[in-house]
N, C-alpha and C. Protein backbone atom coordinates (compact mmCIF):
# COMPACT_ATOMS: atom_id res chain seq x y z
N LYS A 1 202.44 23.42 -5.86
CA LYS A 1 202.11 23.14 -4.48
C LYS A 1 203.10 22.11 -3.95
N GLY A 2 203.75 22.42 -2.82
CA GLY A 2 204.76 21.52 -2.28
C GLY A 2 204.31 20.82 -1.02
N THR A 3 205.06 19.79 -0.68
CA THR A 3 204.78 19.01 0.53
C THR A 3 206.04 18.93 1.38
N ILE A 4 205.88 19.17 2.65
CA ILE A 4 207.01 19.02 3.58
C ILE A 4 206.76 17.75 4.39
N PRO A 5 207.52 16.71 4.11
CA PRO A 5 207.29 15.46 4.87
C PRO A 5 207.73 15.61 6.32
N ALA A 6 207.09 14.86 7.19
CA ALA A 6 207.47 14.86 8.61
C ALA A 6 208.87 14.30 8.77
N LYS A 7 209.62 14.89 9.65
CA LYS A 7 210.99 14.44 9.89
C LYS A 7 211.00 13.24 10.83
N GLN A 8 211.75 12.22 10.41
CA GLN A 8 211.85 11.02 11.23
C GLN A 8 212.78 11.25 12.41
N LEU A 9 212.30 10.92 13.60
CA LEU A 9 213.10 11.02 14.81
C LEU A 9 213.47 9.65 15.34
N THR A 10 214.48 9.61 16.19
CA THR A 10 214.88 8.36 16.84
C THR A 10 214.66 8.49 18.34
N ALA A 11 214.04 7.50 18.91
CA ALA A 11 213.78 7.51 20.35
C ALA A 11 214.73 6.56 21.08
N THR A 12 215.23 7.00 22.21
CA THR A 12 215.99 6.12 23.11
C THR A 12 215.36 6.21 24.49
N PHE A 13 215.42 5.11 25.22
CA PHE A 13 214.81 5.06 26.55
C PHE A 13 215.88 4.70 27.58
N ALA A 14 215.83 5.39 28.71
CA ALA A 14 216.83 5.18 29.77
C ALA A 14 216.77 3.76 30.30
N ASP A 15 217.91 3.27 30.76
CA ASP A 15 217.96 1.93 31.36
C ASP A 15 217.05 1.88 32.59
N ILE A 16 216.45 0.72 32.81
CA ILE A 16 215.54 0.54 33.93
C ILE A 16 215.97 -0.67 34.75
N ALA A 17 215.35 -0.84 35.91
CA ALA A 17 215.67 -1.98 36.78
C ALA A 17 214.47 -2.32 37.63
N LYS A 18 214.38 -3.57 38.01
CA LYS A 18 213.35 -4.02 38.95
C LYS A 18 213.84 -5.28 39.63
N THR A 19 213.16 -5.66 40.71
CA THR A 19 213.40 -6.93 41.38
C THR A 19 212.52 -7.99 40.72
N TYR A 20 213.06 -9.19 40.60
CA TYR A 20 212.32 -10.28 39.97
C TYR A 20 210.94 -10.43 40.56
N ASP A 21 209.91 -10.50 39.70
CA ASP A 21 208.53 -10.68 40.16
C ASP A 21 207.77 -11.75 39.39
N GLY A 22 208.50 -12.52 38.57
CA GLY A 22 207.87 -13.60 37.84
C GLY A 22 207.19 -13.17 36.56
N THR A 23 207.31 -11.91 36.18
CA THR A 23 206.69 -11.40 34.95
C THR A 23 207.72 -10.63 34.12
N THR A 24 207.32 -10.32 32.89
CA THR A 24 208.17 -9.47 32.03
C THR A 24 207.75 -8.01 32.12
N ASN A 25 206.79 -7.70 32.98
CA ASN A 25 206.30 -6.33 33.09
C ASN A 25 207.43 -5.36 33.40
N ALA A 26 207.37 -4.19 32.79
CA ALA A 26 208.40 -3.18 33.01
C ALA A 26 207.77 -1.80 33.04
N THR A 27 208.39 -0.91 33.78
CA THR A 27 208.03 0.50 33.77
C THR A 27 208.98 1.21 32.82
N ALA A 28 208.44 1.87 31.82
CA ALA A 28 209.26 2.48 30.78
C ALA A 28 210.25 3.48 31.34
N GLY A 29 211.46 3.44 30.79
CA GLY A 29 212.44 4.44 31.14
C GLY A 29 212.13 5.76 30.47
N GLU A 30 212.72 6.82 30.95
CA GLU A 30 212.48 8.13 30.36
C GLU A 30 212.97 8.17 28.92
N GLY A 31 212.13 8.67 28.03
CA GLY A 31 212.48 8.70 26.62
C GLY A 31 213.10 10.02 26.19
N THR A 32 214.06 9.94 25.31
CA THR A 32 214.66 11.14 24.72
C THR A 32 214.64 10.99 23.20
N LEU A 33 214.68 12.13 22.52
CA LEU A 33 214.59 12.14 21.07
C LEU A 33 215.86 12.68 20.44
N THR A 34 216.23 12.07 19.33
CA THR A 34 217.35 12.55 18.53
C THR A 34 216.79 13.03 17.19
N GLY A 35 217.19 14.22 16.78
CA GLY A 35 216.77 14.74 15.48
C GLY A 35 215.81 15.91 15.51
N VAL A 36 215.40 16.33 16.71
CA VAL A 36 214.48 17.46 16.81
C VAL A 36 215.22 18.74 16.43
N GLU A 37 214.59 19.55 15.60
CA GLU A 37 215.19 20.82 15.20
C GLU A 37 215.33 21.73 16.43
N THR A 38 216.39 22.51 16.43
CA THR A 38 216.68 23.37 17.57
C THR A 38 215.49 24.25 17.92
N ILE A 39 214.83 24.79 16.91
CA ILE A 39 213.71 25.69 17.16
C ILE A 39 212.52 25.00 17.82
N ASP A 40 212.49 23.64 17.70
CA ASP A 40 211.37 22.87 18.26
C ASP A 40 211.70 22.16 19.57
N GLU A 41 212.90 22.37 20.06
CA GLU A 41 213.27 21.69 21.30
C GLU A 41 212.35 22.11 22.45
N GLY A 42 211.89 21.14 23.20
CA GLY A 42 210.95 21.38 24.27
C GLY A 42 209.51 21.41 23.81
N LYS A 43 209.29 21.26 22.52
CA LYS A 43 207.93 21.33 21.97
C LYS A 43 207.46 19.99 21.41
N VAL A 44 208.29 18.97 21.57
CA VAL A 44 207.90 17.62 21.14
C VAL A 44 208.55 16.62 22.10
N SER A 45 207.79 15.61 22.50
CA SER A 45 208.30 14.61 23.43
C SER A 45 207.84 13.23 23.00
N VAL A 46 208.42 12.21 23.61
CA VAL A 46 208.12 10.84 23.24
C VAL A 46 207.66 10.04 24.46
N SER A 47 206.77 9.09 24.24
CA SER A 47 206.33 8.18 25.30
C SER A 47 206.07 6.82 24.69
N SER A 48 206.02 5.81 25.57
CA SER A 48 205.78 4.44 25.12
C SER A 48 204.51 3.91 25.76
N GLY A 49 203.71 3.23 24.96
CA GLY A 49 202.49 2.65 25.49
C GLY A 49 202.75 1.44 26.37
N LEU A 50 203.80 0.68 26.06
CA LEU A 50 204.08 -0.54 26.80
C LEU A 50 205.56 -0.85 26.78
N ALA A 51 206.08 -1.29 27.92
CA ALA A 51 207.47 -1.74 28.00
C ALA A 51 207.47 -3.14 28.61
N ALA A 52 208.33 -4.01 28.09
CA ALA A 52 208.39 -5.39 28.60
C ALA A 52 209.80 -5.95 28.42
N TYR A 53 210.27 -6.65 29.44
CA TYR A 53 211.55 -7.34 29.33
C TYR A 53 211.42 -8.51 28.35
N ASP A 54 212.54 -8.90 27.76
CA ASP A 54 212.51 -10.00 26.81
C ASP A 54 212.17 -11.33 27.47
N THR A 55 212.62 -11.53 28.73
CA THR A 55 212.24 -12.71 29.51
C THR A 55 211.97 -12.26 30.94
N LYS A 56 211.37 -13.12 31.72
CA LYS A 56 211.06 -12.78 33.11
C LYS A 56 212.24 -12.97 34.05
N HIS A 57 213.30 -13.64 33.60
CA HIS A 57 214.36 -14.08 34.52
C HIS A 57 215.33 -12.97 34.89
N ALA A 58 215.93 -13.10 36.08
CA ALA A 58 216.89 -12.13 36.56
C ALA A 58 218.12 -12.10 35.67
N GLY A 59 218.70 -10.93 35.54
CA GLY A 59 219.90 -10.79 34.73
C GLY A 59 220.24 -9.34 34.48
N ASP A 60 221.48 -9.11 34.04
CA ASP A 60 221.94 -7.76 33.71
C ASP A 60 221.84 -7.52 32.20
N SER A 61 221.77 -6.26 31.83
CA SER A 61 221.78 -5.86 30.42
C SER A 61 220.75 -6.62 29.60
N LYS A 62 219.58 -6.77 30.13
CA LYS A 62 218.51 -7.45 29.42
C LYS A 62 217.86 -6.49 28.42
N THR A 63 217.29 -7.05 27.37
CA THR A 63 216.59 -6.24 26.37
C THR A 63 215.20 -5.88 26.88
N VAL A 64 214.85 -4.62 26.72
CA VAL A 64 213.50 -4.14 27.04
C VAL A 64 212.87 -3.69 25.73
N ASN A 65 211.72 -4.25 25.42
CA ASN A 65 211.02 -3.91 24.19
C ASN A 65 209.93 -2.88 24.45
N TYR A 66 209.97 -1.81 23.69
CA TYR A 66 208.98 -0.74 23.79
C TYR A 66 208.05 -0.78 22.58
N THR A 67 206.76 -0.74 22.84
CA THR A 67 205.77 -0.69 21.76
C THR A 67 204.81 0.47 22.01
N GLY A 68 204.09 0.84 20.95
CA GLY A 68 203.17 1.96 21.09
C GLY A 68 203.88 3.28 21.31
N VAL A 69 205.08 3.43 20.73
CA VAL A 69 205.85 4.66 20.88
C VAL A 69 205.17 5.78 20.09
N THR A 70 204.94 6.89 20.75
CA THR A 70 204.25 8.02 20.10
C THR A 70 204.91 9.35 20.48
N LEU A 71 204.60 10.36 19.66
CA LEU A 71 205.07 11.72 19.90
C LEU A 71 203.92 12.58 20.40
N SER A 72 204.26 13.57 21.19
CA SER A 72 203.26 14.53 21.64
C SER A 72 203.91 15.91 21.74
N GLY A 73 203.11 16.94 21.87
CA GLY A 73 203.62 18.30 21.94
C GLY A 73 203.14 19.14 20.78
N GLU A 74 203.32 20.44 20.89
CA GLU A 74 202.75 21.35 19.90
C GLU A 74 203.38 21.22 18.52
N GLU A 75 204.59 20.70 18.44
CA GLU A 75 205.24 20.53 17.14
C GLU A 75 205.33 19.06 16.72
N ALA A 76 204.62 18.19 17.43
CA ALA A 76 204.70 16.75 17.14
C ALA A 76 204.27 16.41 15.72
N ALA A 77 203.35 17.17 15.17
CA ALA A 77 202.84 16.88 13.82
C ALA A 77 203.91 17.01 12.75
N ASN A 78 204.99 17.70 13.04
CA ASN A 78 206.06 17.90 12.06
C ASN A 78 207.08 16.78 12.06
N TYR A 79 206.85 15.77 12.92
CA TYR A 79 207.82 14.69 13.06
C TYR A 79 207.11 13.33 13.03
N SER A 80 207.90 12.30 12.79
CA SER A 80 207.39 10.93 12.86
C SER A 80 208.35 10.09 13.67
N ILE A 81 207.87 8.96 14.14
CA ILE A 81 208.68 8.08 14.99
C ILE A 81 208.27 6.64 14.76
N ALA A 82 209.22 5.71 14.83
CA ALA A 82 208.88 4.28 14.74
C ALA A 82 208.05 3.89 15.95
N ALA A 83 207.11 3.01 15.75
CA ALA A 83 206.20 2.62 16.84
C ALA A 83 206.85 1.69 17.85
N THR A 84 208.03 1.17 17.52
CA THR A 84 208.72 0.27 18.45
C THR A 84 210.15 0.74 18.67
N ALA A 85 210.69 0.35 19.80
CA ALA A 85 212.08 0.67 20.13
C ALA A 85 212.58 -0.36 21.13
N THR A 86 213.88 -0.40 21.33
CA THR A 86 214.45 -1.30 22.33
C THR A 86 215.33 -0.50 23.29
N GLY A 87 215.38 -0.97 24.50
CA GLY A 87 216.24 -0.37 25.51
C GLY A 87 216.88 -1.48 26.32
N ALA A 88 217.40 -1.14 27.47
CA ALA A 88 218.07 -2.12 28.33
C ALA A 88 217.57 -2.01 29.76
N GLY A 89 217.70 -3.09 30.47
CA GLY A 89 217.26 -3.09 31.86
C GLY A 89 217.87 -4.24 32.64
N THR A 90 217.71 -4.20 33.93
CA THR A 90 218.22 -5.22 34.84
C THR A 90 217.10 -5.76 35.70
N ILE A 91 217.07 -7.06 35.87
CA ILE A 91 216.17 -7.68 36.84
C ILE A 91 217.05 -8.32 37.91
N THR A 92 216.95 -7.80 39.14
CA THR A 92 217.76 -8.34 40.23
C THR A 92 217.07 -9.54 40.88
N ARG A 93 217.86 -10.39 41.49
CA ARG A 93 217.31 -11.55 42.18
C ARG A 93 216.41 -11.11 43.33
N ARG A 94 215.38 -11.88 43.57
CA ARG A 94 214.42 -11.58 44.63
C ARG A 94 214.88 -12.25 45.92
N PRO A 95 214.91 -11.52 47.05
CA PRO A 95 215.39 -12.12 48.30
C PRO A 95 214.33 -12.98 48.99
N LEU A 96 214.75 -14.13 49.46
CA LEU A 96 213.92 -15.00 50.28
C LEU A 96 214.42 -14.94 51.72
N SER A 97 213.51 -15.10 52.67
CA SER A 97 213.88 -15.00 54.09
C SER A 97 213.55 -16.29 54.82
N LEU A 98 214.56 -16.87 55.46
CA LEU A 98 214.37 -17.99 56.37
C LEU A 98 214.10 -17.40 57.75
N THR A 99 212.88 -17.53 58.23
CA THR A 99 212.48 -16.90 59.49
C THR A 99 212.06 -17.96 60.50
N ALA A 100 212.79 -18.05 61.60
CA ALA A 100 212.51 -19.04 62.63
C ALA A 100 211.32 -18.63 63.48
N ASN A 101 210.53 -19.60 63.91
CA ASN A 101 209.47 -19.34 64.88
C ASN A 101 210.11 -19.23 66.26
N PRO A 102 209.87 -18.13 66.99
CA PRO A 102 210.50 -17.94 68.29
C PRO A 102 210.10 -19.03 69.28
N VAL A 103 211.03 -19.41 70.14
CA VAL A 103 210.79 -20.42 71.17
C VAL A 103 211.37 -19.91 72.49
N SER A 104 210.64 -20.11 73.57
CA SER A 104 211.11 -19.70 74.88
C SER A 104 210.88 -20.82 75.89
N ILE A 105 211.88 -21.08 76.71
CA ILE A 105 211.76 -22.05 77.80
C ILE A 105 212.29 -21.41 79.08
N THR A 106 211.99 -22.04 80.18
CA THR A 106 212.53 -21.60 81.47
C THR A 106 213.76 -22.43 81.80
N GLN A 107 214.75 -21.80 82.39
CA GLN A 107 215.98 -22.51 82.72
C GLN A 107 215.68 -23.79 83.49
N GLY A 108 216.26 -24.88 83.04
CA GLY A 108 216.03 -26.17 83.66
C GLY A 108 215.10 -27.04 82.85
N GLU A 109 214.27 -26.42 82.00
CA GLU A 109 213.39 -27.20 81.13
C GLU A 109 214.19 -27.79 79.97
N ALA A 110 213.67 -28.84 79.39
CA ALA A 110 214.35 -29.49 78.27
C ALA A 110 214.31 -28.62 77.02
N VAL A 111 215.42 -28.60 76.31
CA VAL A 111 215.47 -27.89 75.03
C VAL A 111 214.66 -28.69 74.01
N PRO A 112 213.80 -28.04 73.23
CA PRO A 112 213.00 -28.77 72.25
C PRO A 112 213.87 -29.60 71.30
N ALA A 113 213.32 -30.70 70.86
CA ALA A 113 214.06 -31.60 69.96
C ALA A 113 214.11 -31.06 68.54
N SER A 114 213.16 -30.19 68.19
CA SER A 114 213.13 -29.66 66.83
C SER A 114 212.61 -28.23 66.84
N PHE A 115 212.89 -27.52 65.75
CA PHE A 115 212.48 -26.13 65.60
C PHE A 115 211.85 -25.95 64.22
N SER A 116 211.06 -24.90 64.09
CA SER A 116 210.36 -24.68 62.83
C SER A 116 210.47 -23.22 62.40
N GLY A 117 209.99 -22.95 61.21
CA GLY A 117 210.03 -21.60 60.68
C GLY A 117 209.45 -21.58 59.28
N THR A 118 209.65 -20.47 58.60
CA THR A 118 209.09 -20.31 57.26
C THR A 118 210.15 -19.82 56.29
N LEU A 119 209.88 -20.06 55.02
CA LEU A 119 210.69 -19.51 53.92
C LEU A 119 209.74 -18.66 53.09
N THR A 120 209.91 -17.35 53.11
CA THR A 120 208.97 -16.44 52.46
C THR A 120 209.68 -15.55 51.45
N GLY A 121 208.87 -14.96 50.56
CA GLY A 121 209.39 -14.00 49.59
C GLY A 121 209.24 -14.42 48.15
N PHE A 122 208.71 -15.60 47.89
CA PHE A 122 208.56 -16.05 46.50
C PHE A 122 207.58 -15.17 45.73
N ALA A 123 207.83 -15.02 44.44
CA ALA A 123 206.88 -14.35 43.56
C ALA A 123 205.60 -15.18 43.50
N GLU A 124 204.50 -14.53 43.19
CA GLU A 124 203.21 -15.20 43.17
C GLU A 124 203.24 -16.44 42.26
N GLY A 125 202.75 -17.54 42.81
CA GLY A 125 202.67 -18.78 42.04
C GLY A 125 203.95 -19.59 42.02
N GLU A 126 204.99 -19.14 42.72
CA GLU A 126 206.25 -19.87 42.72
C GLU A 126 206.59 -20.34 44.13
N GLY A 127 207.49 -21.30 44.22
CA GLY A 127 207.89 -21.86 45.51
C GLY A 127 209.11 -22.73 45.34
N LEU A 128 209.38 -23.54 46.36
CA LEU A 128 210.53 -24.45 46.31
C LEU A 128 210.38 -25.45 45.17
N ALA A 129 211.50 -25.73 44.52
CA ALA A 129 211.50 -26.77 43.50
C ALA A 129 211.38 -28.13 44.16
N GLU A 130 210.86 -29.08 43.42
CA GLU A 130 210.70 -30.44 43.95
C GLU A 130 212.05 -30.99 44.39
N GLY A 131 212.09 -31.55 45.57
CA GLY A 131 213.32 -32.13 46.09
C GLY A 131 214.12 -31.20 46.97
N ASP A 132 213.79 -29.91 46.95
CA ASP A 132 214.48 -28.96 47.83
C ASP A 132 213.71 -28.81 49.14
N SER A 133 214.41 -28.43 50.20
CA SER A 133 213.76 -28.32 51.50
C SER A 133 214.52 -27.35 52.39
N TYR A 134 213.88 -26.96 53.48
CA TYR A 134 214.54 -26.09 54.45
C TYR A 134 214.27 -26.60 55.86
N ALA A 135 215.15 -26.22 56.79
CA ALA A 135 215.03 -26.68 58.18
C ALA A 135 215.61 -25.62 59.11
N PHE A 136 215.27 -25.75 60.40
CA PHE A 136 215.77 -24.81 61.41
C PHE A 136 216.37 -25.61 62.57
N ASN A 137 217.52 -25.14 63.04
CA ASN A 137 218.22 -25.86 64.11
C ASN A 137 218.86 -24.89 65.09
N LEU A 138 219.02 -25.37 66.31
CA LEU A 138 219.70 -24.63 67.37
C LEU A 138 221.13 -25.16 67.46
N SER A 139 222.09 -24.24 67.48
CA SER A 139 223.49 -24.66 67.58
C SER A 139 223.82 -25.03 69.03
N GLY A 140 224.33 -26.24 69.22
CA GLY A 140 224.69 -26.69 70.55
C GLY A 140 223.47 -26.92 71.43
N THR A 141 223.72 -26.99 72.72
CA THR A 141 222.64 -27.17 73.70
C THR A 141 222.84 -26.18 74.83
N PRO A 142 222.43 -24.94 74.63
CA PRO A 142 222.64 -23.92 75.66
C PRO A 142 221.82 -24.19 76.91
N THR A 143 222.35 -23.81 78.07
CA THR A 143 221.64 -24.00 79.34
C THR A 143 221.53 -22.71 80.14
N ALA A 144 222.40 -21.74 79.88
CA ALA A 144 222.40 -20.49 80.65
C ALA A 144 221.27 -19.58 80.20
N VAL A 145 220.82 -18.73 81.11
CA VAL A 145 219.81 -17.75 80.78
C VAL A 145 220.35 -16.83 79.68
N GLY A 146 219.52 -16.58 78.67
CA GLY A 146 219.95 -15.70 77.58
C GLY A 146 219.17 -15.98 76.31
N LYS A 147 219.61 -15.35 75.23
CA LYS A 147 218.98 -15.52 73.93
C LYS A 147 219.97 -16.15 72.97
N TYR A 148 219.47 -17.03 72.13
CA TYR A 148 220.34 -17.81 71.24
C TYR A 148 219.73 -17.86 69.84
N ALA A 149 220.59 -18.19 68.88
CA ALA A 149 220.16 -18.21 67.48
C ALA A 149 219.51 -19.54 67.09
N ILE A 150 218.44 -19.43 66.35
CA ILE A 150 217.86 -20.57 65.63
C ILE A 150 218.16 -20.30 64.16
N THR A 151 218.95 -21.15 63.56
CA THR A 151 219.44 -20.89 62.20
C THR A 151 218.70 -21.74 61.17
N GLY A 152 218.27 -21.07 60.11
CA GLY A 152 217.62 -21.77 59.01
C GLY A 152 218.63 -22.15 57.94
N THR A 153 218.40 -23.29 57.32
CA THR A 153 219.24 -23.73 56.20
C THR A 153 218.35 -24.21 55.06
N LEU A 154 218.85 -24.03 53.85
CA LEU A 154 218.14 -24.46 52.65
C LEU A 154 218.95 -25.54 51.97
N SER A 155 218.31 -26.67 51.70
CA SER A 155 218.96 -27.78 51.00
C SER A 155 218.48 -27.80 49.55
N ILE A 156 219.42 -27.63 48.63
CA ILE A 156 219.10 -27.56 47.20
C ILE A 156 219.62 -28.82 46.53
N GLY A 157 218.71 -29.68 46.13
CA GLY A 157 219.12 -30.93 45.50
C GLY A 157 220.01 -31.74 46.42
N ASP A 158 221.15 -32.19 45.90
CA ASP A 158 222.07 -33.00 46.68
C ASP A 158 223.14 -32.16 47.38
N ASN A 159 223.05 -30.85 47.29
CA ASN A 159 224.04 -29.98 47.92
C ASN A 159 223.86 -29.94 49.43
N ASP A 160 224.93 -29.62 50.14
CA ASP A 160 224.85 -29.49 51.59
C ASP A 160 223.95 -28.31 51.97
N PRO A 161 223.26 -28.39 53.10
CA PRO A 161 222.42 -27.28 53.55
C PRO A 161 223.25 -26.00 53.69
N ALA A 162 222.66 -24.87 53.29
CA ALA A 162 223.35 -23.59 53.37
C ALA A 162 222.48 -22.57 54.08
N GLU A 163 223.13 -21.65 54.81
CA GLU A 163 222.41 -20.61 55.53
C GLU A 163 222.05 -19.42 54.65
N SER A 164 222.77 -19.25 53.54
CA SER A 164 222.49 -18.16 52.61
C SER A 164 223.11 -18.48 51.27
N GLY A 165 222.68 -17.74 50.24
CA GLY A 165 223.24 -17.96 48.91
C GLY A 165 222.22 -17.68 47.83
N ASP A 166 222.51 -18.16 46.64
CA ASP A 166 221.60 -18.02 45.50
C ASP A 166 220.68 -19.22 45.43
N TYR A 167 219.45 -18.97 45.00
CA TYR A 167 218.52 -20.07 44.79
C TYR A 167 218.00 -19.99 43.37
N GLY A 168 218.39 -20.97 42.58
CA GLY A 168 217.98 -20.98 41.18
C GLY A 168 218.52 -19.76 40.45
N THR A 169 217.80 -19.33 39.42
CA THR A 169 218.21 -18.20 38.60
C THR A 169 217.74 -16.87 39.16
N ASN A 170 216.66 -16.92 39.94
CA ASN A 170 215.95 -15.67 40.23
C ASN A 170 215.91 -15.25 41.70
N TYR A 171 216.50 -16.04 42.60
CA TYR A 171 216.36 -15.74 44.02
C TYR A 171 217.70 -15.78 44.76
N THR A 172 217.73 -15.10 45.90
CA THR A 172 218.77 -15.30 46.91
C THR A 172 218.04 -15.67 48.20
N PHE A 173 218.76 -16.21 49.16
CA PHE A 173 218.13 -16.53 50.44
C PHE A 173 219.09 -16.24 51.57
N ALA A 174 218.52 -15.89 52.73
CA ALA A 174 219.33 -15.58 53.91
C ALA A 174 218.45 -15.71 55.14
N ASN A 175 219.09 -15.77 56.30
CA ASN A 175 218.37 -15.83 57.57
C ASN A 175 217.88 -14.44 57.97
N ALA A 176 216.67 -14.39 58.49
CA ALA A 176 216.14 -13.13 59.02
C ALA A 176 216.98 -12.70 60.22
N ALA A 177 217.13 -11.39 60.40
CA ALA A 177 217.93 -10.87 61.51
C ALA A 177 217.42 -11.35 62.86
N ALA A 178 216.09 -11.49 62.97
CA ALA A 178 215.49 -11.89 64.24
C ALA A 178 215.88 -13.31 64.66
N ASN A 179 216.39 -14.11 63.72
CA ASN A 179 216.78 -15.48 64.07
C ASN A 179 217.90 -15.52 65.10
N ALA A 180 218.70 -14.46 65.14
CA ALA A 180 219.86 -14.43 66.04
C ALA A 180 219.46 -14.50 67.51
N THR A 181 218.23 -14.13 67.83
CA THR A 181 217.76 -14.15 69.23
C THR A 181 216.42 -14.86 69.35
N ALA A 182 216.17 -15.82 68.47
CA ALA A 182 214.85 -16.46 68.41
C ALA A 182 214.60 -17.47 69.53
N PHE A 183 215.67 -17.96 70.16
CA PHE A 183 215.51 -18.93 71.25
C PHE A 183 215.89 -18.27 72.57
N THR A 184 214.96 -18.32 73.52
CA THR A 184 215.17 -17.67 74.81
C THR A 184 215.14 -18.68 75.95
N ILE A 185 216.12 -18.59 76.84
CA ILE A 185 216.09 -19.32 78.11
C ILE A 185 215.87 -18.28 79.20
N ALA A 186 214.71 -18.33 79.82
CA ALA A 186 214.35 -17.36 80.85
C ALA A 186 214.75 -17.86 82.22
N ALA A 187 215.02 -16.93 83.11
CA ALA A 187 215.40 -17.29 84.48
C ALA A 187 214.23 -17.97 85.19
N LYS A 188 214.55 -18.97 85.98
CA LYS A 188 213.53 -19.68 86.74
C LYS A 188 213.16 -18.87 87.98
N PHE A 189 211.89 -18.70 88.22
CA PHE A 189 211.43 -17.94 89.38
C PHE A 189 211.60 -18.79 90.64
N VAL A 190 212.27 -18.21 91.64
CA VAL A 190 212.45 -18.89 92.92
C VAL A 190 211.67 -18.10 93.96
N PRO A 191 210.59 -18.64 94.46
CA PRO A 191 209.78 -17.90 95.44
C PRO A 191 210.53 -17.72 96.75
N PRO A 192 210.27 -16.62 97.46
CA PRO A 192 210.94 -16.42 98.75
C PRO A 192 210.52 -17.49 99.76
N ALA A 193 211.43 -17.84 100.65
CA ALA A 193 211.13 -18.85 101.67
C ALA A 193 210.07 -18.30 102.62
N PRO A 194 209.20 -19.14 103.14
CA PRO A 194 208.17 -18.67 104.08
C PRO A 194 208.80 -18.16 105.37
N GLY A 195 208.13 -17.22 106.03
CA GLY A 195 208.60 -16.70 107.32
C GLY A 195 209.17 -15.30 107.23
N GLY A 196 209.55 -14.86 106.02
CA GLY A 196 210.03 -13.50 105.85
C GLY A 196 211.35 -13.29 106.54
N GLY A 197 211.70 -12.00 106.81
CA GLY A 197 212.95 -11.66 107.50
C GLY A 197 214.16 -11.99 106.65
N GLY A 198 215.27 -12.18 107.36
CA GLY A 198 216.51 -12.44 106.66
C GLY A 198 216.48 -13.72 105.86
N SER A 199 215.80 -14.73 106.40
CA SER A 199 215.79 -16.01 105.68
C SER A 199 215.08 -15.90 104.36
N SER A 200 214.05 -15.02 104.25
CA SER A 200 213.34 -14.83 103.00
C SER A 200 214.25 -14.22 101.97
N GLY A 201 215.03 -13.23 102.37
CA GLY A 201 215.94 -12.60 101.43
C GLY A 201 216.98 -13.58 100.93
N SER A 202 217.47 -14.41 101.78
CA SER A 202 218.47 -15.39 101.38
C SER A 202 217.90 -16.34 100.36
N SER A 203 216.68 -16.84 100.57
CA SER A 203 216.08 -17.79 99.64
C SER A 203 215.78 -17.15 98.31
N GLY A 204 215.33 -15.90 98.36
CA GLY A 204 214.98 -15.23 97.12
C GLY A 204 216.19 -14.98 96.25
N SER A 205 217.37 -14.92 96.81
CA SER A 205 218.56 -14.64 96.00
C SER A 205 219.39 -15.89 95.77
N SER A 206 218.81 -17.04 96.05
CA SER A 206 219.60 -18.27 95.98
C SER A 206 219.99 -18.62 94.57
N SER A 207 219.31 -18.04 93.52
CA SER A 207 219.69 -18.35 92.15
C SER A 207 220.97 -17.63 91.76
N SER A 208 221.43 -16.69 92.59
CA SER A 208 222.67 -15.96 92.31
C SER A 208 223.76 -16.49 93.22
N GLY A 209 224.85 -16.90 92.66
CA GLY A 209 225.92 -17.47 93.45
C GLY A 209 226.47 -16.49 94.46
N SER A 210 226.66 -15.20 94.09
CA SER A 210 227.26 -14.24 95.00
C SER A 210 226.35 -13.92 96.15
N SER A 211 225.04 -13.79 95.92
CA SER A 211 224.11 -13.46 96.98
C SER A 211 223.99 -14.61 97.97
N SER A 212 224.03 -15.83 97.49
CA SER A 212 223.89 -16.99 98.34
C SER A 212 225.05 -17.07 99.32
N SER A 213 226.28 -16.83 98.81
CA SER A 213 227.42 -16.94 99.69
C SER A 213 227.43 -15.85 100.72
N GLY A 214 226.89 -14.67 100.34
CA GLY A 214 226.83 -13.57 101.29
C GLY A 214 225.90 -13.89 102.42
N SER A 215 224.79 -14.55 102.14
CA SER A 215 223.81 -14.91 103.17
C SER A 215 224.38 -15.93 104.14
N SER A 216 225.09 -16.93 103.60
CA SER A 216 225.62 -17.96 104.49
C SER A 216 226.72 -17.40 105.36
N SER A 217 227.47 -16.42 104.83
CA SER A 217 228.53 -15.83 105.63
C SER A 217 227.95 -15.09 106.81
N GLY A 218 226.81 -14.43 106.59
CA GLY A 218 226.19 -13.70 107.69
C GLY A 218 225.69 -14.62 108.76
N SER A 219 225.19 -15.80 108.40
CA SER A 219 224.62 -16.72 109.38
C SER A 219 225.69 -17.41 110.20
N SER A 220 226.92 -17.52 109.64
CA SER A 220 227.97 -18.14 110.40
C SER A 220 228.51 -17.22 111.46
């Protein structure tokens, strides 16, 4: 009476990637098998019960550990597989957003002395390191009707404030697109002069230089 031992197979798992989330959790890459007999191809497959990065931190070519590796399929009983395997993966830096709180004034009103906003995007349970801070500022002192940028900056330790860049090992930061038009100077409403007629039209257009000169020319 003879015994045919199960043939040992080797499993490999495709490279994976994720954005930093503060954990080592991973979604297993697709597994492939080496050593399956030609006649059994398509009749045995591999899966992993758990996949995890070696550390939680962002980086390239990181080790991914697979455990609970098993075989399935109609010919799986004829093969064996190691319960653990290793693969590779990438954890990309998580983006943070400096988002200004919108501000609107009417032309002629004083520009606010300070501006505010938020820094969002941190993984759960994480935030700014002690000693780091962020701020929002308006460039120059605009007076014309229009929209202007409120720019956020992040100060990291003793470094100069920056509008974008890397933060620590696991994050990047940048200004939200909406910051480019976050400050609005609206046109001041000029009510028409009492009495109506031509004089009303002249008063109503007095905020426009060209209309004003046209009115005075007519009266002369």
